[in-house]
Amino acid sequence: MALSLPIDPEANALLNRDPLALLLGMVLDQQVPLEKAFTSPYVLSQRLGHVPDARELAGLTPEALTELFARPPALHRFPKAMAARAQEVCRLLVERYDGDAARLWADPVDGAELLRRIGELPGFGRQKAQIFLALLGKRLEIQPPGWREAAGGYGEAGAYRSVADVTDGESLRRVREHKQQQKAAAKATREPGPGRSAPR
């Protein structure tokens, strides 16, 4: 199996062959469309003239990396903040995994341990960590024992909840439909019902 996101084929190919590109795509996957997030590692490599490794990105000055992120078209809606976040992730990879993103998921004992490792990355809360765990399991067959349980609802077979379930334009549409339903349900629970006044 492999990733087959509905994005530029070259960008998709990079995600499949370069673990850091895949991880950076997940780092950037917030407050922008997933097509933007997972294409940006390819755009970054174009700007550098080569595919960067974690040591290179960790060693750049914050100003230099921010410039790469902010150059039009910006790699993210918040280029300075996300350049800093990407650099934090790369520095952790250098410190703990010898700069090799693939070592993050190379030898976990079980899904719970892999979830813990992912959750230790800067900017990865539980939900984001579960989504990435599901992405590794469903698309790249990184499947330590108990990975579906550790990924929660995102690990369910046949679900359309996150980027882990996107393989084409139709599945992307279904994932977005699910997210819209979630937002509507959350909004409904916040709104005062009949006979109740809104909190002052």
N, C-alpha and C. Protein backbone atom coordinates (compact mmCIF):
# COMPACT_ATOMS: atom_id res chain seq x y z
N MET A 1 0.83 -1.20 0.00
CA MET A 1 0.00 0.00 0.00
C MET A 1 0.87 1.25 0.00
N ALA A 2 0.26 2.36 -0.38
CA ALA A 2 0.98 3.62 -0.41
C ALA A 2 -0.02 4.76 -0.33
N LEU A 3 0.49 5.93 -0.05
CA LEU A 3 -0.36 7.11 -0.06
C LEU A 3 -0.75 7.44 -1.49
N SER A 4 -1.99 7.82 -1.67
CA SER A 4 -2.43 8.28 -2.99
C SER A 4 -3.40 9.44 -2.80
N LEU A 5 -2.88 10.51 -2.23
CA LEU A 5 -3.70 11.69 -1.99
C LEU A 5 -3.98 12.40 -3.31
N PRO A 6 -5.12 13.09 -3.41
CA PRO A 6 -5.45 13.81 -4.64
C PRO A 6 -4.71 15.15 -4.72
N ILE A 7 -3.38 15.05 -4.85
CA ILE A 7 -2.52 16.24 -4.94
C ILE A 7 -1.56 16.03 -6.11
N ASP A 8 -0.67 16.99 -6.33
CA ASP A 8 0.33 16.88 -7.39
C ASP A 8 1.04 15.51 -7.28
N PRO A 9 1.13 14.76 -8.37
CA PRO A 9 1.74 13.43 -8.32
C PRO A 9 3.16 13.44 -7.76
N GLU A 10 3.94 14.46 -8.09
CA GLU A 10 5.30 14.53 -7.57
C GLU A 10 5.31 14.75 -6.07
N ALA A 11 4.38 15.57 -5.59
CA ALA A 11 4.26 15.80 -4.15
C ALA A 11 3.85 14.51 -3.44
N ASN A 12 2.95 13.77 -4.04
CA ASN A 12 2.50 12.51 -3.47
C ASN A 12 3.63 11.49 -3.45
N ALA A 13 4.40 11.46 -4.52
CA ALA A 13 5.53 10.52 -4.60
C ALA A 13 6.57 10.82 -3.52
N LEU A 14 6.79 12.12 -3.24
CA LEU A 14 7.75 12.48 -2.20
C LEU A 14 7.28 12.00 -0.84
N LEU A 15 5.99 12.13 -0.56
CA LEU A 15 5.45 11.66 0.72
C LEU A 15 5.68 10.16 0.89
N ASN A 16 5.61 9.41 -0.20
CA ASN A 16 5.77 7.96 -0.14
C ASN A 16 7.22 7.53 0.04
N ARG A 17 8.15 8.33 -0.47
CA ARG A 17 9.54 7.88 -0.40
C ARG A 17 10.36 8.56 0.70
N ASP A 18 9.84 9.66 1.26
CA ASP A 18 10.61 10.40 2.25
C ASP A 18 9.82 10.53 3.55
N PRO A 19 10.21 9.80 4.60
CA PRO A 19 9.45 9.85 5.85
C PRO A 19 9.35 11.24 6.46
N LEU A 20 10.40 12.06 6.33
CA LEU A 20 10.33 13.40 6.90
C LEU A 20 9.29 14.25 6.18
N ALA A 21 9.21 14.11 4.87
CA ALA A 21 8.19 14.86 4.12
C ALA A 21 6.80 14.48 4.60
N LEU A 22 6.57 13.20 4.82
CA LEU A 22 5.28 12.75 5.31
C LEU A 22 4.98 13.34 6.68
N LEU A 23 5.96 13.31 7.56
CA LEU A 23 5.77 13.84 8.90
C LEU A 23 5.53 15.34 8.87
N LEU A 24 6.28 16.07 8.03
CA LEU A 24 6.07 17.51 7.93
C LEU A 24 4.70 17.84 7.36
N GLY A 25 4.21 17.02 6.43
CA GLY A 25 2.86 17.22 5.93
C GLY A 25 1.85 17.16 7.05
N MET A 26 2.05 16.19 7.96
CA MET A 26 1.15 16.07 9.11
C MET A 26 1.31 17.24 10.07
N VAL A 27 2.53 17.70 10.25
CA VAL A 27 2.77 18.89 11.10
C VAL A 27 1.96 20.07 10.58
N LEU A 28 1.95 20.25 9.27
CA LEU A 28 1.31 21.41 8.65
C LEU A 28 -0.20 21.25 8.49
N ASP A 29 -0.70 20.05 8.76
CA ASP A 29 -2.12 19.77 8.53
C ASP A 29 -2.99 20.31 9.66
N GLN A 30 -3.07 21.62 9.74
CA GLN A 30 -3.98 22.29 10.66
C GLN A 30 -4.26 23.69 10.13
N GLN A 31 -5.52 24.03 10.11
CA GLN A 31 -5.98 25.36 9.68
C GLN A 31 -5.67 25.67 8.21
N VAL A 32 -5.38 24.63 7.45
CA VAL A 32 -5.27 24.75 5.99
C VAL A 32 -5.84 23.48 5.38
N PRO A 33 -6.28 23.51 4.12
CA PRO A 33 -6.74 22.27 3.48
C PRO A 33 -5.62 21.23 3.46
N LEU A 34 -5.98 19.96 3.57
CA LEU A 34 -4.95 18.93 3.61
C LEU A 34 -4.14 18.88 2.32
N GLU A 35 -4.76 19.26 1.20
CA GLU A 35 -4.00 19.30 -0.06
C GLU A 35 -2.83 20.27 0.05
N LYS A 36 -3.07 21.40 0.71
CA LYS A 36 -2.02 22.41 0.91
C LYS A 36 -0.94 21.86 1.84
N ALA A 37 -1.37 21.29 2.96
CA ALA A 37 -0.43 20.80 3.96
C ALA A 37 0.51 19.74 3.40
N PHE A 38 -0.05 18.78 2.67
CA PHE A 38 0.76 17.65 2.21
C PHE A 38 1.48 17.92 0.89
N THR A 39 1.19 19.05 0.25
CA THR A 39 1.96 19.46 -0.92
C THR A 39 3.15 20.32 -0.51
N SER A 40 3.05 20.99 0.62
CA SER A 40 4.08 21.95 1.03
C SER A 40 5.47 21.34 1.22
N PRO A 41 5.63 20.09 1.71
CA PRO A 41 6.98 19.53 1.79
C PRO A 41 7.66 19.45 0.41
N TYR A 42 6.88 19.18 -0.62
CA TYR A 42 7.43 19.14 -1.98
C TYR A 42 7.84 20.54 -2.43
N VAL A 43 6.99 21.52 -2.13
CA VAL A 43 7.33 22.91 -2.50
C VAL A 43 8.58 23.35 -1.76
N LEU A 44 8.71 22.97 -0.50
CA LEU A 44 9.90 23.31 0.27
C LEU A 44 11.14 22.71 -0.37
N SER A 45 11.06 21.47 -0.81
CA SER A 45 12.22 20.84 -1.44
C SER A 45 12.57 21.53 -2.75
N GLN A 46 11.57 22.02 -3.46
CA GLN A 46 11.84 22.76 -4.69
C GLN A 46 12.58 24.07 -4.38
N ARG A 47 12.18 24.73 -3.33
CA ARG A 47 12.83 25.99 -2.97
C ARG A 47 14.26 25.79 -2.52
N LEU A 48 14.53 24.65 -1.89
CA LEU A 48 15.89 24.37 -1.44
C LEU A 48 16.75 23.80 -2.56
N GLY A 49 16.09 23.22 -3.58
CA GLY A 49 16.82 22.59 -4.67
C GLY A 49 17.15 21.13 -4.39
N HIS A 50 16.68 20.62 -3.27
CA HIS A 50 16.89 19.22 -2.90
C HIS A 50 15.93 18.86 -1.79
N VAL A 51 15.80 17.57 -1.51
CA VAL A 51 14.95 17.12 -0.41
C VAL A 51 15.74 17.25 0.89
N PRO A 52 15.27 18.07 1.83
CA PRO A 52 16.05 18.29 3.05
C PRO A 52 15.92 17.13 4.03
N ASP A 53 16.90 17.01 4.91
CA ASP A 53 16.77 16.06 6.01
C ASP A 53 16.55 16.84 7.30
N ALA A 54 16.29 16.11 8.38
CA ALA A 54 15.95 16.77 9.64
C ALA A 54 17.11 17.59 10.18
N ARG A 55 18.34 17.10 10.00
CA ARG A 55 19.50 17.86 10.50
C ARG A 55 19.62 19.21 9.79
N GLU A 56 19.38 19.22 8.51
CA GLU A 56 19.48 20.48 7.77
C GLU A 56 18.44 21.49 8.26
N LEU A 57 17.20 21.05 8.38
CA LEU A 57 16.14 21.98 8.80
C LEU A 57 16.33 22.40 10.26
N ALA A 58 16.81 21.48 11.08
CA ALA A 58 17.06 21.82 12.49
C ALA A 58 18.17 22.85 12.63
N GLY A 59 19.12 22.82 11.69
CA GLY A 59 20.28 23.69 11.79
C GLY A 59 20.14 25.06 11.14
N LEU A 60 19.08 25.26 10.37
CA LEU A 60 18.86 26.57 9.75
C LEU A 60 18.54 27.61 10.81
N THR A 61 18.86 28.86 10.53
CA THR A 61 18.42 29.91 11.44
C THR A 61 16.90 30.03 11.33
N PRO A 62 16.24 30.41 12.41
CA PRO A 62 14.78 30.59 12.33
C PRO A 62 14.38 31.56 11.22
N GLU A 63 15.20 32.59 11.00
CA GLU A 63 14.88 33.57 9.96
C GLU A 63 14.94 32.95 8.58
N ALA A 64 15.95 32.11 8.35
CA ALA A 64 16.10 31.48 7.03
C ALA A 64 14.94 30.52 6.76
N LEU A 65 14.54 29.75 7.78
CA LEU A 65 13.45 28.81 7.57
C LEU A 65 12.12 29.54 7.41
N THR A 66 11.94 30.60 8.17
CA THR A 66 10.71 31.39 8.03
C THR A 66 10.61 31.98 6.63
N GLU A 67 11.73 32.43 6.09
CA GLU A 67 11.72 32.99 4.74
C GLU A 67 11.29 31.94 3.72
N LEU A 68 11.77 30.72 3.89
CA LEU A 68 11.39 29.64 2.98
C LEU A 68 9.90 29.34 3.08
N PHE A 69 9.37 29.40 4.29
CA PHE A 69 7.95 29.13 4.50
C PHE A 69 7.07 30.28 4.02
N ALA A 70 7.57 31.51 4.16
CA ALA A 70 6.74 32.68 3.87
C ALA A 70 6.80 33.12 2.41
N ARG A 71 7.79 32.66 1.68
CA ARG A 71 7.93 33.07 0.29
C ARG A 71 6.66 32.71 -0.49
N PRO A 72 6.11 33.67 -1.24
CA PRO A 72 4.85 33.39 -1.95
C PRO A 72 5.01 32.27 -2.99
N PRO A 73 4.05 31.38 -3.09
CA PRO A 73 2.93 31.22 -2.15
C PRO A 73 3.41 30.58 -0.86
N ALA A 74 3.00 31.14 0.28
CA ALA A 74 3.43 30.65 1.59
C ALA A 74 3.06 29.18 1.76
N LEU A 75 3.89 28.47 2.51
CA LEU A 75 3.66 27.04 2.72
C LEU A 75 2.52 26.78 3.70
N HIS A 76 2.12 27.80 4.42
CA HIS A 76 1.04 27.65 5.40
C HIS A 76 0.42 29.01 5.65
N ARG A 77 -0.77 28.97 6.18
CA ARG A 77 -1.48 30.20 6.53
C ARG A 77 -0.71 31.01 7.57
N PHE A 78 0.02 30.31 8.44
CA PHE A 78 0.83 30.97 9.47
C PHE A 78 2.29 30.53 9.30
N PRO A 79 2.97 31.10 8.32
CA PRO A 79 4.31 30.58 7.97
C PRO A 79 5.35 30.69 9.07
N LYS A 80 5.37 31.78 9.83
CA LYS A 80 6.39 31.92 10.87
C LYS A 80 6.18 30.89 11.97
N ALA A 81 4.94 30.76 12.43
CA ALA A 81 4.65 29.82 13.52
C ALA A 81 4.90 28.38 13.08
N MET A 82 4.52 28.05 11.84
CA MET A 82 4.67 26.67 11.40
C MET A 82 6.10 26.34 11.02
N ALA A 83 6.86 27.33 10.59
CA ALA A 83 8.30 27.11 10.37
C ALA A 83 8.96 26.76 11.70
N ALA A 84 8.57 27.48 12.75
CA ALA A 84 9.13 27.20 14.07
C ALA A 84 8.71 25.82 14.55
N ARG A 85 7.45 25.45 14.31
CA ARG A 85 6.98 24.13 14.74
C ARG A 85 7.72 23.03 13.98
N ALA A 86 7.88 23.19 12.68
CA ALA A 86 8.60 22.19 11.88
C ALA A 86 10.03 22.04 12.37
N GLN A 87 10.65 23.16 12.73
CA GLN A 87 12.03 23.09 13.20
C GLN A 87 12.11 22.40 14.56
N GLU A 88 11.13 22.63 15.43
CA GLU A 88 11.08 21.94 16.72
C GLU A 88 10.98 20.43 16.53
N VAL A 89 10.14 20.02 15.59
CA VAL A 89 9.99 18.59 15.30
C VAL A 89 11.31 18.02 14.79
N CYS A 90 11.96 18.73 13.89
CA CYS A 90 13.23 18.25 13.34
C CYS A 90 14.31 18.16 14.41
N ARG A 91 14.32 19.11 15.33
CA ARG A 91 15.31 19.06 16.41
C ARG A 91 15.07 17.86 17.32
N LEU A 92 13.81 17.55 17.58
CA LEU A 92 13.52 16.37 18.39
C LEU A 92 13.96 15.10 17.66
N LEU A 93 13.73 15.05 16.35
CA LEU A 93 14.17 13.88 15.57
C LEU A 93 15.68 13.71 15.64
N VAL A 94 16.41 14.82 15.60
CA VAL A 94 17.86 14.76 15.69
C VAL A 94 18.29 14.26 17.07
N GLU A 95 17.64 14.77 18.10
CA GLU A 95 18.01 14.42 19.47
C GLU A 95 17.70 12.96 19.82
N ARG A 96 16.54 12.46 19.36
CA ARG A 96 16.09 11.15 19.80
C ARG A 96 16.23 10.04 18.77
N TYR A 97 16.20 10.41 17.49
CA TYR A 97 16.15 9.40 16.43
C TYR A 97 17.25 9.57 15.39
N ASP A 98 18.34 10.23 15.78
CA ASP A 98 19.48 10.41 14.89
C ASP A 98 19.08 11.10 13.58
N GLY A 99 18.04 11.93 13.65
CA GLY A 99 17.61 12.68 12.48
C GLY A 99 16.80 11.89 11.48
N ASP A 100 16.45 10.65 11.80
CA ASP A 100 15.74 9.77 10.87
C ASP A 100 14.27 9.66 11.29
N ALA A 101 13.38 10.29 10.54
CA ALA A 101 11.96 10.28 10.89
C ALA A 101 11.41 8.86 10.92
N ALA A 102 11.89 7.99 10.06
CA ALA A 102 11.38 6.62 9.98
C ALA A 102 11.63 5.85 11.27
N ARG A 103 12.64 6.24 12.03
CA ARG A 103 12.93 5.54 13.28
C ARG A 103 11.85 5.79 14.32
N LEU A 104 11.08 6.85 14.12
CA LEU A 104 9.96 7.14 15.02
C LEU A 104 9.00 5.96 15.08
N TRP A 105 8.77 5.33 13.93
CA TRP A 105 7.81 4.23 13.86
C TRP A 105 8.46 2.90 13.47
N ALA A 106 9.78 2.79 13.59
CA ALA A 106 10.48 1.59 13.10
C ALA A 106 10.28 0.37 13.97
N ASP A 107 10.27 0.53 15.29
CA ASP A 107 10.30 -0.67 16.14
C ASP A 107 9.45 -0.55 17.41
N PRO A 108 8.26 0.02 17.34
CA PRO A 108 7.46 0.11 18.56
C PRO A 108 6.97 -1.27 19.00
N VAL A 109 6.86 -1.46 20.30
CA VAL A 109 6.37 -2.73 20.84
C VAL A 109 4.91 -2.92 20.46
N ASP A 110 4.13 -1.86 20.55
CA ASP A 110 2.71 -1.96 20.24
C ASP A 110 2.16 -0.59 19.84
N GLY A 111 0.87 -0.56 19.52
CA GLY A 111 0.26 0.68 19.07
C GLY A 111 0.29 1.77 20.12
N ALA A 112 0.15 1.39 21.39
CA ALA A 112 0.17 2.37 22.47
C ALA A 112 1.52 3.07 22.55
N GLU A 113 2.60 2.30 22.37
CA GLU A 113 3.93 2.92 22.41
C GLU A 113 4.13 3.84 21.22
N LEU A 114 3.67 3.43 20.04
CA LEU A 114 3.81 4.28 18.87
C LEU A 114 3.00 5.57 19.04
N LEU A 115 1.81 5.45 19.60
CA LEU A 115 1.01 6.64 19.87
C LEU A 115 1.73 7.57 20.84
N ARG A 116 2.35 7.00 21.85
CA ARG A 116 3.10 7.81 22.81
C ARG A 116 4.25 8.54 22.12
N ARG A 117 4.99 7.84 21.28
CA ARG A 117 6.11 8.47 20.57
C ARG A 117 5.63 9.63 19.71
N ILE A 118 4.57 9.38 18.95
CA ILE A 118 4.05 10.44 18.07
C ILE A 118 3.56 11.62 18.91
N GLY A 119 2.90 11.31 20.01
CA GLY A 119 2.36 12.35 20.87
C GLY A 119 3.41 13.21 21.55
N GLU A 120 4.66 12.74 21.56
CA GLU A 120 5.75 13.53 22.15
C GLU A 120 6.30 14.56 21.17
N LEU A 121 5.89 14.50 19.91
CA LEU A 121 6.34 15.48 18.93
C LEU A 121 5.70 16.83 19.22
N PRO A 122 6.44 17.93 19.06
CA PRO A 122 5.86 19.25 19.28
C PRO A 122 4.63 19.48 18.41
N GLY A 123 3.55 19.91 19.04
CA GLY A 123 2.33 20.22 18.30
C GLY A 123 1.39 19.05 18.07
N PHE A 124 1.77 17.87 18.55
CA PHE A 124 0.94 16.69 18.34
C PHE A 124 0.16 16.38 19.63
N GLY A 125 -1.09 16.84 19.66
CA GLY A 125 -1.97 16.43 20.74
C GLY A 125 -2.47 15.02 20.47
N ARG A 126 -3.35 14.53 21.33
CA ARG A 126 -3.80 13.14 21.20
C ARG A 126 -4.50 12.90 19.87
N GLN A 127 -5.39 13.81 19.48
CA GLN A 127 -6.14 13.60 18.24
C GLN A 127 -5.21 13.56 17.03
N LYS A 128 -4.29 14.50 16.95
CA LYS A 128 -3.37 14.56 15.81
C LYS A 128 -2.48 13.31 15.79
N ALA A 129 -2.05 12.88 16.99
CA ALA A 129 -1.22 11.68 17.08
C ALA A 129 -2.00 10.44 16.62
N GLN A 130 -3.27 10.36 16.99
CA GLN A 130 -4.09 9.22 16.57
C GLN A 130 -4.30 9.22 15.06
N ILE A 131 -4.49 10.41 14.48
CA ILE A 131 -4.67 10.49 13.03
C ILE A 131 -3.41 10.02 12.31
N PHE A 132 -2.25 10.47 12.79
CA PHE A 132 -1.00 10.06 12.13
C PHE A 132 -0.76 8.57 12.30
N LEU A 133 -1.08 8.04 13.48
CA LEU A 133 -0.96 6.60 13.71
C LEU A 133 -1.87 5.84 12.73
N ALA A 134 -3.09 6.33 12.54
CA ALA A 134 -4.00 5.70 11.59
C ALA A 134 -3.47 5.80 10.17
N LEU A 135 -2.88 6.92 9.82
CA LEU A 135 -2.29 7.10 8.49
C LEU A 135 -1.18 6.08 8.26
N LEU A 136 -0.31 5.91 9.23
CA LEU A 136 0.77 4.93 9.11
C LEU A 136 0.21 3.52 8.95
N GLY A 137 -0.82 3.21 9.73
CA GLY A 137 -1.37 1.86 9.70
C GLY A 137 -2.14 1.55 8.43
N LYS A 138 -3.00 2.48 8.04
CA LYS A 138 -3.89 2.23 6.90
C LYS A 138 -3.20 2.39 5.56
N ARG A 139 -2.32 3.34 5.44
CA ARG A 139 -1.73 3.64 4.14
C ARG A 139 -0.33 3.05 3.95
N LEU A 140 0.44 2.93 5.03
CA LEU A 140 1.82 2.46 4.90
C LEU A 140 2.06 1.11 5.56
N GLU A 141 1.00 0.51 6.11
CA GLU A 141 1.08 -0.81 6.73
C GLU A 141 2.08 -0.87 7.89
N ILE A 142 2.21 0.23 8.60
CA ILE A 142 2.96 0.24 9.87
C ILE A 142 1.94 -0.15 10.92
N GLN A 143 1.92 -1.43 11.31
CA GLN A 143 0.80 -1.97 12.07
C GLN A 143 1.26 -2.78 13.28
N PRO A 144 1.85 -2.13 14.28
CA PRO A 144 2.19 -2.88 15.49
C PRO A 144 0.93 -3.38 16.18
N PRO A 145 1.03 -4.40 17.02
CA PRO A 145 -0.16 -4.93 17.69
C PRO A 145 -0.94 -3.83 18.42
N GLY A 146 -2.26 -3.83 18.22
CA GLY A 146 -3.10 -2.86 18.90
C GLY A 146 -3.11 -1.47 18.28
N TRP A 147 -2.64 -1.35 17.04
CA TRP A 147 -2.56 -0.01 16.46
C TRP A 147 -3.95 0.58 16.22
N ARG A 148 -4.90 -0.23 15.80
CA ARG A 148 -6.24 0.31 15.55
C ARG A 148 -6.87 0.82 16.85
N GLU A 149 -6.71 0.07 17.92
CA GLU A 149 -7.27 0.49 19.20
C GLU A 149 -6.61 1.78 19.67
N ALA A 150 -5.28 1.88 19.50
CA ALA A 150 -4.57 3.09 19.92
C ALA A 150 -5.00 4.30 19.10
N ALA A 151 -5.34 4.07 17.83
CA ALA A 151 -5.76 5.18 16.96
C ALA A 151 -7.20 5.59 17.20
N GLY A 152 -7.92 4.85 18.04
CA GLY A 152 -9.31 5.20 18.33
C GLY A 152 -10.18 5.09 17.09
N GLY A 153 -11.16 5.97 16.98
CA GLY A 153 -12.06 5.95 15.84
C GLY A 153 -11.36 6.13 14.51
N TYR A 154 -10.20 6.80 14.52
CA TYR A 154 -9.46 7.03 13.27
C TYR A 154 -8.87 5.73 12.72
N GLY A 155 -8.76 4.71 13.58
CA GLY A 155 -8.20 3.44 13.12
C GLY A 155 -9.23 2.48 12.56
N GLU A 156 -10.50 2.82 12.68
CA GLU A 156 -11.55 1.91 12.23
C GLU A 156 -11.49 1.68 10.73
N ALA A 157 -11.66 0.44 10.33
CA ALA A 157 -11.70 0.11 8.91
C ALA A 157 -12.99 0.67 8.31
N GLY A 158 -12.88 1.19 7.10
CA GLY A 158 -14.06 1.69 6.41
C GLY A 158 -14.55 3.04 6.87
N ALA A 159 -13.81 3.69 7.77
CA ALA A 159 -14.20 5.01 8.25
C ALA A 159 -13.74 6.09 7.28
N TYR A 160 -14.37 7.24 7.37
CA TYR A 160 -13.95 8.40 6.58
C TYR A 160 -13.87 9.59 7.52
N ARG A 161 -12.80 9.60 8.33
CA ARG A 161 -12.69 10.60 9.39
C ARG A 161 -11.51 11.54 9.25
N SER A 162 -10.48 11.13 8.49
CA SER A 162 -9.26 11.94 8.47
C SER A 162 -8.45 11.66 7.20
N VAL A 163 -7.30 12.30 7.10
CA VAL A 163 -6.42 12.09 5.96
C VAL A 163 -6.02 10.62 5.83
N ALA A 164 -6.08 9.87 6.93
CA ALA A 164 -5.74 8.44 6.89
C ALA A 164 -6.68 7.67 5.98
N ASP A 165 -7.86 8.23 5.71
CA ASP A 165 -8.87 7.54 4.90
C ASP A 165 -8.97 8.10 3.48
N VAL A 166 -8.12 9.04 3.14
CA VAL A 166 -8.20 9.69 1.83
C VAL A 166 -7.32 8.96 0.82
N THR A 167 -7.96 8.50 -0.26
CA THR A 167 -7.22 7.84 -1.34
C THR A 167 -7.51 8.47 -2.70
N ASP A 168 -8.54 9.31 -2.76
CA ASP A 168 -8.92 9.95 -4.02
C ASP A 168 -9.87 11.10 -3.71
N GLY A 169 -10.38 11.73 -4.76
CA GLY A 169 -11.26 12.87 -4.58
C GLY A 169 -12.55 12.52 -3.86
N GLU A 170 -13.11 11.35 -4.15
CA GLU A 170 -14.37 10.95 -3.52
C GLU A 170 -14.20 10.69 -2.03
N SER A 171 -13.14 10.01 -1.64
CA SER A 171 -12.92 9.76 -0.22
C SER A 171 -12.62 11.06 0.52
N LEU A 172 -11.94 11.99 -0.15
CA LEU A 172 -11.69 13.31 0.45
C LEU A 172 -13.02 14.02 0.69
N ARG A 173 -13.93 13.93 -0.26
CA ARG A 173 -15.24 14.55 -0.09
C ARG A 173 -15.97 13.95 1.11
N ARG A 174 -15.88 12.65 1.29
CA ARG A 174 -16.57 11.99 2.40
C ARG A 174 -15.94 12.37 3.74
N VAL A 175 -14.64 12.51 3.77
CA VAL A 175 -13.97 12.94 5.01
C VAL A 175 -14.40 14.36 5.36
N ARG A 176 -14.46 15.23 4.37
CA ARG A 176 -14.88 16.61 4.64
C ARG A 176 -16.34 16.67 5.08
N GLU A 177 -17.16 15.81 4.52
CA GLU A 177 -18.56 15.75 4.92
C GLU A 177 -18.67 15.32 6.38
N HIS A 178 -17.86 14.36 6.77
CA HIS A 178 -17.85 13.90 8.17
C HIS A 178 -17.43 15.03 9.10
N LYS A 179 -16.40 15.78 8.73
CA LYS A 179 -15.93 16.88 9.57
C LYS A 179 -16.99 17.97 9.70
N GLN A 180 -17.70 18.24 8.62
CA GLN A 180 -18.77 19.25 8.67
C GLN A 180 -19.87 18.80 9.61
N GLN A 181 -20.20 17.52 9.59
CA GLN A 181 -21.22 16.99 10.49
C GLN A 181 -20.78 17.11 11.95
N GLN A 182 -19.49 16.85 12.19
CA GLN A 182 -18.95 16.98 13.54
C GLN A 182 -19.05 18.42 14.03
N LYS A 183 -18.69 19.37 13.18
CA LYS A 183 -18.75 20.78 13.55
C LYS A 183 -20.18 21.21 13.83
N ALA A 184 -21.10 20.75 13.00
CA ALA A 184 -22.51 21.09 13.20
C ALA A 184 -23.02 20.53 14.52
N ALA A 185 -22.63 19.30 14.84
CA ALA A 185 -23.06 18.68 16.09
C ALA A 185 -22.47 19.42 17.29
N ALA A 186 -21.19 19.80 17.18
CA ALA A 186 -20.55 20.53 18.27
C ALA A 186 -21.21 21.89 18.47
N LYS A 187 -21.54 22.54 17.37
CA LYS A 187 -22.20 23.84 17.46
C LYS A 187 -23.57 23.71 18.10
N ALA A 188 -24.29 22.64 17.76
CA ALA A 188 -25.63 22.43 18.31
C ALA A 188 -25.59 22.25 19.82
N THR A 189 -24.55 21.59 20.32
CA THR A 189 -24.45 21.36 21.77
C THR A 189 -24.10 22.65 22.51
N ARG A 190 -23.50 23.60 21.81
CA ARG A 190 -23.14 24.87 22.45
C ARG A 190 -24.29 25.86 22.47
N GLU A 191 -25.24 25.70 21.55
CA GLU A 191 -26.33 26.66 21.45
C GLU A 191 -27.39 26.37 22.51
N PRO A 192 -27.95 27.43 23.14
CA PRO A 192 -28.99 27.22 24.13
C PRO A 192 -30.25 26.65 23.51
N GLY A 193 -30.88 25.70 24.18
CA GLY A 193 -32.10 25.10 23.67
C GLY A 193 -33.31 25.94 24.01
N PRO A 194 -34.50 25.51 23.59
CA PRO A 194 -35.73 26.25 23.85
C PRO A 194 -35.94 26.42 25.37
N GLY A 195 -36.31 27.63 25.74
CA GLY A 195 -36.59 27.90 27.15
C GLY A 195 -35.36 28.17 27.98
N ARG A 196 -34.17 28.09 27.34
CA ARG A 196 -32.94 28.39 28.09
C ARG A 196 -32.30 29.63 27.53
N SER A 197 -31.78 30.44 28.37
CA SER A 197 -31.12 31.64 27.91
C SER A 197 -29.64 31.37 27.75
N ALA A 198 -29.03 32.10 26.87
CA ALA A 198 -27.59 31.95 26.66
C ALA A 198 -26.86 32.44 27.89
N PRO A 199 -25.73 31.84 28.22
CA PRO A 199 -24.96 32.31 29.38
C PRO A 199 -24.51 33.74 29.19
N ARG A 200 -24.55 34.49 30.29
CA ARG A 200 -24.17 35.91 30.20
C ARG A 200 -22.71 36.08 30.57
